[in-house]
Amino acid sequence: VGNTNTGTNSVGHAAPEHWWSFIAPVVGSYTFNSCGSSYDTYVHVYNRMPNGSVGQLLQTCDDCGPCGLRTVLTVGLQPGTYYIVMDGFSRGAGNYRLAITCP
């Protein structure tokens, strides 16, 4: 749970975003679910490089899943550390809920 109004914009749309570090402990499909958020969400998943910098964009999604304008992104990950970015479509921002389902 958070609010992107206080975030900055560095990727994706002009909307402010929040970045989260996520550790995938096992190989499998991980789901990042923003249902219940107050705005049109956009979720990005990036590799995290060994030095902590942002690596390759692995998956991005807008309006996918069963929640209309809220993103439910499923991506296959290997064990490792990733960045999850809560973004908004266009300039969308506000309260968000991000739930993670692990394999």
C-alpha atoms as a PDB file:
ATOM      1  CA  VAL A   1       0.000   0.000   0.000  1.00  0.00           C
ATOM      2  CA  GLY A   2       1.342   3.397  -0.913  1.00  0.00           C
ATOM      3  CA  ASN A   3       0.750   6.667  -2.719  1.00  0.00           C
ATOM      4  CA  THR A   4       2.637   7.702  -5.852  1.00  0.00           C
ATOM      5  CA  ASN A   5       1.785  11.404  -5.503  1.00  0.00           C
ATOM      6  CA  THR A   6       5.089  11.791  -3.632  1.00  0.00           C
ATOM      7  CA  GLY A   7       7.067   9.771  -6.200  1.00  0.00           C
ATOM      8  CA  THR A   8       9.303  10.917  -9.021  1.00  0.00           C
ATOM      9  CA  ASN A   9       9.209  10.049 -12.714  1.00  0.00           C
ATOM     10  CA  SER A  10      12.128   8.152 -14.190  1.00  0.00           C
ATOM     11  CA  VAL A  11      10.611   5.484 -16.492  1.00  0.00           C
ATOM     12  CA  GLY A  12       7.397   4.877 -18.397  1.00  0.00           C
ATOM     13  CA  HIS A  13       4.788   7.598 -18.554  1.00  0.00           C
ATOM     14  CA  ALA A  14       4.917  11.124 -17.107  1.00  0.00           C
ATOM     15  CA  ALA A  15       3.249   9.861 -13.913  1.00  0.00           C
ATOM     16  CA  PRO A  16       5.176   9.692 -10.632  1.00  0.00           C
ATOM     17  CA  GLU A  17       6.168   6.182  -9.593  1.00  0.00           C
ATOM     18  CA  HIS A  18       7.383   4.113  -6.657  1.00  0.00           C
ATOM     19  CA  TRP A  19      10.205   1.558  -6.928  1.00  0.00           C
ATOM     20  CA  TRP A  20      10.365  -1.633  -4.880  1.00  0.00           C
ATOM     21  CA  SER A  21      13.170  -4.159  -4.625  1.00  0.00           C
ATOM     22  CA  PHE A  22      11.856  -7.728  -4.820  1.00  0.00           C
ATOM     23  CA  ILE A  23      13.705 -11.012  -4.227  1.00  0.00           C
ATOM     24  CA  ALA A  24      12.379 -14.051  -6.089  1.00  0.00           C
ATOM     25  CA  PRO A  25      13.489 -17.055  -4.013  1.00  0.00           C
ATOM     26  CA  VAL A  26      12.580 -19.762  -6.566  1.00  0.00           C
ATOM     27  CA  VAL A  27      11.952 -20.207 -10.297  1.00  0.00           C
ATOM     28  CA  GLY A  28       8.333 -19.671 -11.233  1.00  0.00           C
ATOM     29  CA  SER A  29       5.482 -17.355 -12.130  1.00  0.00           C
ATOM     30  CA  TYR A  30       4.994 -14.300  -9.938  1.00  0.00           C
ATOM     31  CA  THR A  31       1.883 -12.126 -10.096  1.00  0.00           C
ATOM     32  CA  PHE A  32       1.897  -8.421  -9.210  1.00  0.00           C
ATOM     33  CA  ASN A  33      -1.689  -7.313  -8.640  1.00  0.00           C
ATOM     34  CA  SER A  34      -2.723  -3.661  -8.325  1.00  0.00           C
ATOM     35  CA  CYS A  35      -6.506  -4.273  -8.056  1.00  0.00           C
ATOM     36  CA  GLY A  36      -7.942  -1.894  -5.466  1.00  0.00           C
ATOM     37  CA  SER A  37      -5.733   1.023  -6.512  1.00  0.00           C
ATOM     38  CA  SER A  38      -7.390   4.413  -6.973  1.00  0.00           C
ATOM     39  CA  TYR A  39      -5.960   5.191 -10.434  1.00  0.00           C
ATOM     40  CA  ASP A  40      -5.057   3.623 -13.803  1.00  0.00           C
ATOM     41  CA  THR A  41      -1.935   1.637 -12.878  1.00  0.00           C
ATOM     42  CA  TYR A  42       1.019   0.501 -14.962  1.00  0.00           C
ATOM     43  CA  VAL A  43       3.512  -2.043 -13.559  1.00  0.00           C
ATOM     44  CA  HIS A  44       7.082  -2.654 -14.771  1.00  0.00           C
ATOM     45  CA  VAL A  45       9.556  -5.398 -13.781  1.00  0.00           C
ATOM     46  CA  TYR A  46      13.307  -4.788 -14.220  1.00  0.00           C
ATOM     47  CA  ASN A  47      16.392  -6.877 -13.562  1.00  0.00           C
ATOM     48  CA  ARG A  48      18.519  -5.568 -10.710  1.00  0.00           C
ATOM     49  CA  MET A  49      22.218  -5.591 -11.577  1.00  0.00           C
ATOM     50  CA  PRO A  50      24.808  -6.886  -9.053  1.00  0.00           C
ATOM     51  CA  ASN A  51      25.905  -3.292  -8.357  1.00  0.00           C
ATOM     52  CA  GLY A  52      22.292  -2.293  -7.581  1.00  0.00           C
ATOM     53  CA  SER A  53      21.682  -0.394 -10.810  1.00  0.00           C
ATOM     54  CA  VAL A  54      18.613  -0.910 -12.984  1.00  0.00           C
ATOM     55  CA  GLY A  55      19.000  -3.584 -15.631  1.00  0.00           C
ATOM     56  CA  GLN A  56      16.821  -4.729 -18.518  1.00  0.00           C
ATOM     57  CA  LEU A  57      13.058  -4.223 -18.604  1.00  0.00           C
ATOM     58  CA  LEU A  58      11.649  -7.766 -18.370  1.00  0.00           C
ATOM     59  CA  GLN A  59       7.902  -7.166 -18.440  1.00  0.00           C
ATOM     60  CA  THR A  60       5.526  -4.236 -18.459  1.00  0.00           C
ATOM     61  CA  CYS A  61       1.764  -4.159 -18.413  1.00  0.00           C
ATOM     62  CA  ASP A  62      -1.106  -1.677 -18.533  1.00  0.00           C
ATOM     63  CA  ASP A  63      -4.742  -2.724 -18.132  1.00  0.00           C
ATOM     64  CA  CYS A  64      -3.958  -6.448 -18.236  1.00  0.00           C
ATOM     65  CA  GLY A  65      -5.858  -8.813 -15.975  1.00  0.00           C
ATOM     66  CA  PRO A  66      -9.381  -8.849 -14.576  1.00  0.00           C
ATOM     67  CA  CYS A  67      -9.421  -5.406 -12.881  1.00  0.00           C
ATOM     68  CA  GLY A  68     -10.072  -3.061 -15.799  1.00  0.00           C
ATOM     69  CA  LEU A  69      -7.626  -0.151 -15.568  1.00  0.00           C
ATOM     70  CA  ARG A  70      -5.694  -1.802 -12.714  1.00  0.00           C
ATOM     71  CA  THR A  71      -2.794  -4.028 -13.703  1.00  0.00           C
ATOM     72  CA  VAL A  72      -2.412  -7.712 -12.876  1.00  0.00           C
ATOM     73  CA  LEU A  73       0.966  -8.682 -14.327  1.00  0.00           C
ATOM     74  CA  THR A  74       2.288 -12.261 -14.291  1.00  0.00           C
ATOM     75  CA  VAL A  75       5.922 -12.871 -15.184  1.00  0.00           C
ATOM     76  CA  GLY A  76       8.240 -15.878 -15.030  1.00  0.00           C
ATOM     77  CA  LEU A  77      11.318 -15.129 -12.896  1.00  0.00           C
ATOM     78  CA  GLN A  78      14.520 -16.898 -11.980  1.00  0.00           C
ATOM     79  CA  PRO A  79      15.847 -16.669  -8.408  1.00  0.00           C
ATOM     80  CA  GLY A  80      17.304 -13.196  -7.969  1.00  0.00           C
ATOM     81  CA  THR A  81      16.593  -9.571  -7.183  1.00  0.00           C
ATOM     82  CA  TYR A  82      14.326  -7.388  -9.292  1.00  0.00           C
ATOM     83  CA  TYR A  83      12.835  -3.904  -9.277  1.00  0.00           C
ATOM     84  CA  ILE A  84       9.053  -3.590  -9.371  1.00  0.00           C
ATOM     85  CA  VAL A  85       7.805  -0.178 -10.472  1.00  0.00           C
ATOM     86  CA  MET A  86       4.310   1.091  -9.629  1.00  0.00           C
ATOM     87  CA  ASP A  87       3.588   3.633 -12.343  1.00  0.00           C
ATOM     88  CA  GLY A  88       0.473   5.341 -13.645  1.00  0.00           C
ATOM     89  CA  PHE A  89      -0.900   5.632 -17.140  1.00  0.00           C
ATOM     90  CA  SER A  90      -0.250   9.095 -18.596  1.00  0.00           C
ATOM     91  CA  ARG A  91      -0.028  11.309 -15.469  1.00  0.00           C
ATOM     92  CA  GLY A  92      -2.128   9.057 -13.232  1.00  0.00           C
ATOM     93  CA  ALA A  93      -1.145   8.918  -9.556  1.00  0.00           C
ATOM     94  CA  GLY A  94      -2.698   8.211  -6.188  1.00  0.00           C
ATOM     95  CA  ASN A  95      -3.227   5.463  -3.647  1.00  0.00           C
ATOM     96  CA  TYR A  96      -2.187   2.005  -4.748  1.00  0.00           C
ATOM     97  CA  ARG A  97      -2.305  -1.537  -3.479  1.00  0.00           C
ATOM     98  CA  LEU A  98       0.263  -4.015  -4.766  1.00  0.00           C
ATOM     99  CA  ALA A  99      -0.192  -7.670  -3.829  1.00  0.00           C
ATOM    100  CA  ILE A 100       2.333 -10.318  -4.847  1.00  0.00           C
ATOM    101  CA  THR A 101       1.533 -13.982  -5.435  1.00  0.00           C
ATOM    102  CA  CYS A 102       4.566 -16.288  -5.468  1.00  0.00           C
ATOM    103  CA  PRO A 103       4.823 -19.837  -6.839  1.00  0.00           C
END
